[in-house]
Amino acid sequence: MTAYKSLILAGALALAPFVNAAEDTSSQMMSEAPADAKVYIISPKDGDTVGKTFKVQFGLSGMGVAPAGVDKKNTGHHHLLIDVDSMPDMTKPLPSNEHVVHFGGGQTETELTLPPGKHTLQLVMGNYLHIPFKNPVVSKKITVNVE
């Protein structure tokens, strides 16, 4: 083995404990939601036809809403998944993009503007670090038709 390959191997072995520690930390940051917690979309209803801009109201029972960064037991905040086919990694902070919208201020409704066509909406509760709960609190996915 060349000195260069030995150096790379030694570096990789030296970093291995830190990679595992980072993975362990992420799982340790996950919170437990109350067993009866439920999140749901109040409006629109599944199958509704809506205008290009419409209001989405979030519902929650069995736990409370708190802004991101506030570590208070039995609370979390909403994340709205728009046109997401498969769930994001539920052991890490949810990404923030055009398909995963964060409501870290504790908001319980929003106004969306979407292009015409069929779209899906789904809510996921995240803890103070935007990480879904160990026992995920996820709404039913609904479909809306945008005119």
N, C-alpha and C. Protein backbone atom coordinates (compact mmCIF):
# COMPACT_ATOMS: atom_id res chain seq x y z
N MET A 1 0.85 -1.17 0.00
CA MET A 1 0.00 0.00 0.00
C MET A 1 0.90 1.23 0.00
N THR A 2 0.53 2.19 -0.81
CA THR A 2 1.35 3.41 -0.88
C THR A 2 1.11 4.26 0.35
N ALA A 3 2.02 5.17 0.58
CA ALA A 3 1.89 6.08 1.73
C ALA A 3 0.63 6.92 1.60
N TYR A 4 0.27 7.31 0.36
CA TYR A 4 -0.92 8.14 0.10
C TYR A 4 -2.19 7.36 0.49
N LYS A 5 -2.29 6.08 0.05
CA LYS A 5 -3.46 5.26 0.38
C LYS A 5 -3.53 5.00 1.88
N SER A 6 -2.39 4.81 2.52
CA SER A 6 -2.36 4.61 3.97
C SER A 6 -2.88 5.84 4.70
N LEU A 7 -2.52 7.02 4.19
CA LEU A 7 -2.97 8.27 4.81
C LEU A 7 -4.48 8.42 4.68
N ILE A 8 -5.02 8.11 3.50
CA ILE A 8 -6.47 8.20 3.29
C ILE A 8 -7.20 7.21 4.20
N LEU A 9 -6.71 5.99 4.27
CA LEU A 9 -7.33 4.97 5.13
C LEU A 9 -7.28 5.40 6.59
N ALA A 10 -6.15 5.92 7.03
CA ALA A 10 -6.01 6.36 8.42
C ALA A 10 -6.98 7.51 8.71
N GLY A 11 -7.12 8.42 7.75
CA GLY A 11 -8.05 9.54 7.94
C GLY A 11 -9.49 9.07 8.03
N ALA A 12 -9.86 8.13 7.16
CA ALA A 12 -11.22 7.59 7.18
C ALA A 12 -11.51 6.89 8.50
N LEU A 13 -10.56 6.11 8.97
CA LEU A 13 -10.75 5.40 10.24
C LEU A 13 -10.83 6.37 11.40
N ALA A 14 -10.07 7.46 11.32
CA ALA A 14 -10.09 8.46 12.40
C ALA A 14 -11.43 9.18 12.46
N LEU A 15 -12.08 9.38 11.30
CA LEU A 15 -13.35 10.10 11.26
C LEU A 15 -14.56 9.22 11.56
N ALA A 16 -14.43 7.92 11.44
CA ALA A 16 -15.55 7.00 11.62
C ALA A 16 -16.32 7.22 12.91
N PRO A 17 -15.67 7.39 14.06
CA PRO A 17 -16.44 7.59 15.29
C PRO A 17 -17.28 8.87 15.25
N PHE A 18 -16.79 9.89 14.55
CA PHE A 18 -17.53 11.15 14.49
C PHE A 18 -18.76 11.02 13.59
N VAL A 19 -18.67 10.25 12.52
CA VAL A 19 -19.81 10.00 11.65
C VAL A 19 -20.89 9.27 12.44
N ASN A 20 -20.50 8.23 13.17
CA ASN A 20 -21.47 7.50 13.99
C ASN A 20 -22.06 8.39 15.07
N ALA A 21 -21.25 9.25 15.66
CA ALA A 21 -21.75 10.15 16.70
C ALA A 21 -22.77 11.11 16.13
N ALA A 22 -22.54 11.60 14.91
CA ALA A 22 -23.51 12.51 14.28
C ALA A 22 -24.83 11.80 14.04
N GLU A 23 -24.78 10.54 13.60
CA GLU A 23 -26.01 9.78 13.39
C GLU A 23 -26.71 9.55 14.72
N ASP A 24 -25.98 9.20 15.77
CA ASP A 24 -26.57 8.99 17.08
C ASP A 24 -27.20 10.26 17.61
N THR A 25 -26.55 11.41 17.41
CA THR A 25 -27.07 12.69 17.88
C THR A 25 -28.40 12.99 17.23
N SER A 26 -28.52 12.75 15.92
CA SER A 26 -29.77 13.01 15.21
C SER A 26 -30.91 12.20 15.82
N SER A 27 -30.68 10.92 16.08
CA SER A 27 -31.73 10.09 16.67
C SER A 27 -32.03 10.51 18.10
N GLN A 28 -31.03 11.02 18.81
CA GLN A 28 -31.25 11.48 20.18
C GLN A 28 -32.07 12.77 20.21
N MET A 29 -32.03 13.52 19.13
CA MET A 29 -32.76 14.78 19.05
C MET A 29 -34.24 14.58 18.70
N MET A 30 -34.61 13.34 18.37
CA MET A 30 -36.00 13.05 18.06
C MET A 30 -36.81 13.07 19.35
N SER A 31 -38.01 13.60 19.27
CA SER A 31 -38.89 13.70 20.43
C SER A 31 -40.02 12.68 20.30
N GLU A 32 -40.61 12.36 21.42
CA GLU A 32 -41.76 11.45 21.45
C GLU A 32 -43.03 12.31 21.47
N ALA A 33 -43.94 12.03 20.56
CA ALA A 33 -45.23 12.73 20.54
C ALA A 33 -46.22 11.97 21.42
N PRO A 34 -47.21 12.67 21.96
CA PRO A 34 -48.25 11.95 22.70
C PRO A 34 -48.90 10.88 21.81
N ALA A 35 -49.26 9.77 22.39
CA ALA A 35 -49.81 8.64 21.62
C ALA A 35 -51.09 9.01 20.87
N ASP A 36 -51.86 9.96 21.41
CA ASP A 36 -53.14 10.32 20.78
C ASP A 36 -53.03 11.53 19.85
N ALA A 37 -51.83 11.99 19.57
CA ALA A 37 -51.65 13.17 18.72
C ALA A 37 -52.09 12.89 17.28
N LYS A 38 -52.82 13.85 16.72
CA LYS A 38 -53.29 13.74 15.34
C LYS A 38 -53.17 15.11 14.68
N VAL A 39 -52.68 15.12 13.43
CA VAL A 39 -52.63 16.34 12.64
C VAL A 39 -53.49 16.10 11.40
N TYR A 40 -54.18 17.14 10.94
CA TYR A 40 -55.08 16.98 9.81
C TYR A 40 -55.27 18.32 9.11
N ILE A 41 -55.75 18.25 7.89
CA ILE A 41 -56.04 19.46 7.13
C ILE A 41 -57.54 19.73 7.28
N ILE A 42 -57.86 20.90 7.85
CA ILE A 42 -59.26 21.29 8.04
C ILE A 42 -59.87 21.67 6.69
N SER A 43 -59.17 22.52 5.97
CA SER A 43 -59.62 22.92 4.64
C SER A 43 -58.40 23.25 3.79
N PRO A 44 -58.49 22.97 2.52
CA PRO A 44 -59.63 22.41 1.79
C PRO A 44 -59.83 20.94 2.12
N LYS A 45 -60.93 20.40 1.66
CA LYS A 45 -61.23 18.97 1.85
C LYS A 45 -60.65 18.18 0.68
N ASP A 46 -60.42 16.90 0.92
CA ASP A 46 -59.91 16.02 -0.11
C ASP A 46 -60.84 16.05 -1.32
N GLY A 47 -60.29 16.30 -2.50
CA GLY A 47 -61.07 16.33 -3.73
C GLY A 47 -61.64 17.69 -4.09
N ASP A 48 -61.49 18.69 -3.23
CA ASP A 48 -62.02 20.02 -3.52
C ASP A 48 -61.36 20.64 -4.74
N THR A 49 -62.13 21.48 -5.43
CA THR A 49 -61.60 22.31 -6.50
C THR A 49 -61.42 23.70 -5.90
N VAL A 50 -60.23 24.25 -6.08
CA VAL A 50 -59.89 25.55 -5.48
C VAL A 50 -59.35 26.48 -6.55
N GLY A 51 -59.33 27.77 -6.22
CA GLY A 51 -58.74 28.75 -7.11
C GLY A 51 -57.23 28.65 -7.07
N LYS A 52 -56.58 29.43 -7.92
CA LYS A 52 -55.11 29.41 -8.00
C LYS A 52 -54.48 29.74 -6.65
N THR A 53 -55.09 30.68 -5.92
CA THR A 53 -54.65 31.03 -4.57
C THR A 53 -55.75 30.62 -3.60
N PHE A 54 -55.38 29.86 -2.58
CA PHE A 54 -56.38 29.35 -1.64
C PHE A 54 -55.77 29.20 -0.25
N LYS A 55 -56.66 29.16 0.75
CA LYS A 55 -56.23 29.03 2.14
C LYS A 55 -56.19 27.56 2.54
N VAL A 56 -55.15 27.19 3.30
CA VAL A 56 -55.04 25.86 3.88
C VAL A 56 -55.03 26.04 5.39
N GLN A 57 -55.96 25.38 6.08
CA GLN A 57 -56.05 25.46 7.54
C GLN A 57 -55.62 24.13 8.13
N PHE A 58 -54.75 24.21 9.15
CA PHE A 58 -54.19 23.02 9.79
C PHE A 58 -54.95 22.71 11.07
N GLY A 59 -55.16 21.44 11.34
CA GLY A 59 -55.78 21.01 12.58
C GLY A 59 -54.82 20.13 13.36
N LEU A 60 -54.93 20.17 14.69
CA LEU A 60 -54.06 19.38 15.55
C LEU A 60 -54.82 19.03 16.83
N SER A 61 -54.71 17.79 17.26
CA SER A 61 -55.30 17.41 18.55
C SER A 61 -54.31 16.51 19.28
N GLY A 62 -54.40 16.52 20.59
CA GLY A 62 -53.55 15.67 21.41
C GLY A 62 -52.18 16.24 21.72
N MET A 63 -51.86 17.40 21.18
CA MET A 63 -50.60 18.08 21.47
C MET A 63 -50.76 19.55 21.13
N GLY A 64 -49.77 20.34 21.49
CA GLY A 64 -49.83 21.78 21.25
C GLY A 64 -48.87 22.22 20.17
N VAL A 65 -49.02 23.48 19.77
CA VAL A 65 -48.16 24.09 18.77
C VAL A 65 -47.19 25.03 19.48
N ALA A 66 -45.92 24.94 19.12
CA ALA A 66 -44.89 25.85 19.62
C ALA A 66 -43.95 26.18 18.47
N PRO A 67 -43.40 27.38 18.45
CA PRO A 67 -42.48 27.75 17.36
C PRO A 67 -41.23 26.87 17.36
N ALA A 68 -40.59 26.79 16.21
CA ALA A 68 -39.31 26.10 16.09
C ALA A 68 -38.34 26.73 17.09
N GLY A 69 -37.49 25.92 17.66
CA GLY A 69 -36.51 26.41 18.63
C GLY A 69 -37.00 26.37 20.07
N VAL A 70 -38.31 26.19 20.26
CA VAL A 70 -38.88 26.11 21.62
C VAL A 70 -39.04 24.64 21.97
N ASP A 71 -38.21 24.16 22.89
CA ASP A 71 -38.22 22.75 23.29
C ASP A 71 -39.16 22.58 24.47
N LYS A 72 -40.44 22.38 24.18
CA LYS A 72 -41.46 22.20 25.22
C LYS A 72 -42.16 20.87 24.96
N LYS A 73 -42.23 20.05 25.98
CA LYS A 73 -42.82 18.70 25.86
C LYS A 73 -44.22 18.77 25.25
N ASN A 74 -44.51 17.79 24.40
CA ASN A 74 -45.82 17.61 23.77
C ASN A 74 -46.22 18.76 22.85
N THR A 75 -45.22 19.43 22.26
CA THR A 75 -45.50 20.47 21.28
C THR A 75 -44.64 20.26 20.04
N GLY A 76 -45.05 20.88 18.96
CA GLY A 76 -44.30 20.85 17.71
C GLY A 76 -44.85 21.91 16.79
N HIS A 77 -44.38 21.90 15.56
CA HIS A 77 -44.90 22.85 14.58
C HIS A 77 -45.12 22.12 13.25
N HIS A 78 -45.95 22.74 12.41
CA HIS A 78 -46.38 22.13 11.16
C HIS A 78 -45.36 22.28 10.03
N HIS A 79 -45.36 21.27 9.16
CA HIS A 79 -44.64 21.29 7.89
C HIS A 79 -45.64 20.79 6.85
N LEU A 80 -45.79 21.55 5.76
CA LEU A 80 -46.74 21.18 4.72
C LEU A 80 -45.98 20.59 3.53
N LEU A 81 -46.33 19.36 3.19
CA LEU A 81 -45.73 18.68 2.04
C LEU A 81 -46.63 18.90 0.83
N ILE A 82 -46.06 19.45 -0.23
CA ILE A 82 -46.81 19.75 -1.44
C ILE A 82 -46.27 18.88 -2.57
N ASP A 83 -47.14 18.06 -3.13
CA ASP A 83 -46.77 17.20 -4.26
C ASP A 83 -45.55 16.34 -3.95
N VAL A 84 -45.53 15.74 -2.77
CA VAL A 84 -44.44 14.86 -2.37
C VAL A 84 -44.90 13.42 -2.54
N ASP A 85 -44.16 12.66 -3.37
CA ASP A 85 -44.52 11.27 -3.63
C ASP A 85 -44.07 10.33 -2.52
N SER A 86 -42.85 10.54 -2.01
CA SER A 86 -42.37 9.69 -0.92
C SER A 86 -41.90 10.58 0.23
N MET A 87 -42.11 10.09 1.43
CA MET A 87 -41.80 10.87 2.62
C MET A 87 -40.29 11.14 2.71
N PRO A 88 -39.94 12.33 3.20
CA PRO A 88 -38.52 12.61 3.44
C PRO A 88 -38.00 11.75 4.59
N ASP A 89 -36.70 11.76 4.81
CA ASP A 89 -36.10 11.02 5.92
C ASP A 89 -36.69 11.54 7.22
N MET A 90 -37.41 10.66 7.92
CA MET A 90 -38.12 11.07 9.13
C MET A 90 -37.23 11.04 10.37
N THR A 91 -35.92 10.81 10.21
CA THR A 91 -35.01 10.81 11.35
C THR A 91 -34.11 12.04 11.35
N LYS A 92 -34.29 12.91 10.36
CA LYS A 92 -33.46 14.11 10.24
C LYS A 92 -34.36 15.33 10.11
N PRO A 93 -33.80 16.53 10.33
CA PRO A 93 -34.62 17.74 10.12
C PRO A 93 -35.20 17.75 8.71
N LEU A 94 -36.46 18.12 8.61
CA LEU A 94 -37.12 18.17 7.31
C LEU A 94 -36.46 19.26 6.46
N PRO A 95 -36.27 19.00 5.17
CA PRO A 95 -35.68 20.03 4.32
C PRO A 95 -36.68 21.17 4.14
N SER A 96 -36.21 22.30 3.74
CA SER A 96 -37.08 23.44 3.45
C SER A 96 -36.90 23.77 1.97
N ASN A 97 -37.97 23.54 1.21
CA ASN A 97 -37.92 23.80 -0.22
C ASN A 97 -39.33 24.03 -0.73
N GLU A 98 -39.52 24.06 -2.05
CA GLU A 98 -40.85 24.33 -2.61
C GLU A 98 -41.83 23.20 -2.34
N HIS A 99 -41.34 22.02 -1.94
CA HIS A 99 -42.21 20.88 -1.66
C HIS A 99 -42.42 20.63 -0.17
N VAL A 100 -41.57 21.19 0.67
CA VAL A 100 -41.69 21.04 2.13
C VAL A 100 -41.61 22.44 2.73
N VAL A 101 -42.77 22.94 3.15
CA VAL A 101 -42.86 24.31 3.67
C VAL A 101 -42.94 24.27 5.19
N HIS A 102 -42.05 25.00 5.84
CA HIS A 102 -41.96 25.05 7.30
C HIS A 102 -42.84 26.17 7.85
N PHE A 103 -43.49 25.88 8.97
CA PHE A 103 -44.28 26.87 9.68
C PHE A 103 -43.73 26.98 11.10
N GLY A 104 -42.45 27.32 11.16
CA GLY A 104 -41.71 27.38 12.42
C GLY A 104 -42.13 28.49 13.35
N GLY A 105 -42.96 29.39 12.88
CA GLY A 105 -43.49 30.43 13.75
C GLY A 105 -44.70 29.96 14.54
N GLY A 106 -45.11 28.73 14.30
CA GLY A 106 -46.29 28.20 14.99
C GLY A 106 -47.59 28.48 14.24
N GLN A 107 -47.49 28.85 12.97
CA GLN A 107 -48.68 29.16 12.19
C GLN A 107 -49.58 27.93 12.04
N THR A 108 -50.88 28.19 11.96
CA THR A 108 -51.85 27.10 11.81
C THR A 108 -52.67 27.23 10.53
N GLU A 109 -52.26 28.13 9.65
CA GLU A 109 -52.88 28.24 8.33
C GLU A 109 -51.93 28.99 7.41
N THR A 110 -52.20 28.86 6.12
CA THR A 110 -51.39 29.56 5.13
C THR A 110 -52.22 29.80 3.89
N GLU A 111 -51.73 30.65 3.03
CA GLU A 111 -52.33 30.86 1.72
C GLU A 111 -51.34 30.34 0.69
N LEU A 112 -51.81 29.45 -0.17
CA LEU A 112 -50.96 28.85 -1.20
C LEU A 112 -51.38 29.35 -2.57
N THR A 113 -50.42 29.46 -3.45
CA THR A 113 -50.68 29.72 -4.86
C THR A 113 -49.99 28.62 -5.63
N LEU A 114 -50.81 27.82 -6.34
CA LEU A 114 -50.29 26.69 -7.10
C LEU A 114 -50.77 26.77 -8.54
N PRO A 115 -50.03 26.21 -9.47
CA PRO A 115 -50.46 26.21 -10.87
C PRO A 115 -51.68 25.29 -11.05
N PRO A 116 -52.45 25.51 -12.11
CA PRO A 116 -53.61 24.66 -12.36
C PRO A 116 -53.23 23.19 -12.46
N GLY A 117 -54.14 22.33 -12.00
CA GLY A 117 -53.94 20.89 -12.06
C GLY A 117 -54.16 20.26 -10.70
N LYS A 118 -53.88 18.95 -10.62
CA LYS A 118 -54.04 18.20 -9.37
C LYS A 118 -52.78 18.36 -8.54
N HIS A 119 -52.98 18.55 -7.24
CA HIS A 119 -51.87 18.68 -6.29
C HIS A 119 -52.21 17.92 -5.02
N THR A 120 -51.17 17.39 -4.35
CA THR A 120 -51.39 16.73 -3.08
C THR A 120 -50.83 17.59 -1.95
N LEU A 121 -51.49 17.50 -0.80
CA LEU A 121 -51.09 18.22 0.41
C LEU A 121 -51.09 17.25 1.57
N GLN A 122 -50.09 17.39 2.44
CA GLN A 122 -50.00 16.53 3.63
C GLN A 122 -49.23 17.29 4.70
N LEU A 123 -49.61 17.11 5.95
CA LEU A 123 -48.93 17.75 7.07
C LEU A 123 -48.08 16.76 7.85
N VAL A 124 -46.94 17.25 8.32
CA VAL A 124 -46.06 16.48 9.21
C VAL A 124 -45.69 17.40 10.36
N MET A 125 -45.84 16.92 11.59
CA MET A 125 -45.41 17.71 12.74
C MET A 125 -43.92 17.47 12.98
N GLY A 126 -43.22 18.55 13.28
CA GLY A 126 -41.81 18.45 13.62
C GLY A 126 -41.58 19.02 15.00
N ASN A 127 -40.51 18.56 15.64
CA ASN A 127 -40.18 19.07 16.97
C ASN A 127 -39.47 20.43 16.85
N TYR A 128 -38.89 20.88 17.92
CA TYR A 128 -38.25 22.19 17.96
C TYR A 128 -37.09 22.32 16.98
N LEU A 129 -36.56 21.19 16.49
CA LEU A 129 -35.45 21.18 15.54
C LEU A 129 -35.90 20.79 14.12
N HIS A 130 -37.21 20.78 13.86
CA HIS A 130 -37.79 20.39 12.56
C HIS A 130 -37.66 18.89 12.30
N ILE A 131 -37.38 18.10 13.32
CA ILE A 131 -37.27 16.65 13.16
C ILE A 131 -38.63 16.02 13.47
N PRO A 132 -39.17 15.20 12.57
CA PRO A 132 -40.44 14.52 12.88
C PRO A 132 -40.30 13.70 14.17
N PHE A 133 -41.40 13.45 14.81
CA PHE A 133 -41.41 12.71 16.06
C PHE A 133 -41.09 11.24 15.84
N LYS A 134 -40.58 10.57 16.89
CA LYS A 134 -40.26 9.14 16.81
C LYS A 134 -41.48 8.35 16.37
N ASN A 135 -42.61 8.70 16.89
CA ASN A 135 -43.88 8.14 16.45
C ASN A 135 -44.52 9.23 15.59
N PRO A 136 -44.23 9.24 14.27
CA PRO A 136 -44.59 10.36 13.41
C PRO A 136 -46.05 10.77 13.50
N VAL A 137 -46.25 12.09 13.52
CA VAL A 137 -47.58 12.68 13.52
C VAL A 137 -47.77 13.25 12.11
N VAL A 138 -48.49 12.48 11.29
CA VAL A 138 -48.62 12.77 9.86
C VAL A 138 -50.10 12.73 9.49
N SER A 139 -50.53 13.69 8.69
CA SER A 139 -51.93 13.72 8.26
C SER A 139 -52.14 12.79 7.08
N LYS A 140 -53.40 12.57 6.80
CA LYS A 140 -53.79 11.89 5.57
C LYS A 140 -53.40 12.82 4.41
N LYS A 141 -52.96 12.26 3.31
CA LYS A 141 -52.65 13.05 2.13
C LYS A 141 -53.95 13.36 1.40
N ILE A 142 -54.15 14.63 1.06
CA ILE A 142 -55.34 14.99 0.30
C ILE A 142 -54.94 15.47 -1.09
N THR A 143 -55.91 15.44 -2.00
CA THR A 143 -55.70 15.94 -3.36
C THR A 143 -56.66 17.10 -3.58
N VAL A 144 -56.12 18.17 -4.16
CA VAL A 144 -56.96 19.32 -4.56
C VAL A 144 -56.76 19.55 -6.04
N ASN A 145 -57.81 20.06 -6.66
CA ASN A 145 -57.78 20.41 -8.07
C ASN A 145 -57.74 21.92 -8.17
N VAL A 146 -56.66 22.48 -8.71
CA VAL A 146 -56.51 23.92 -8.83
C VAL A 146 -56.99 24.33 -10.21
N GLU A 147 -57.94 25.30 -10.24
CA GLU A 147 -58.49 25.78 -11.52
C GLU A 147 -57.51 26.70 -12.21
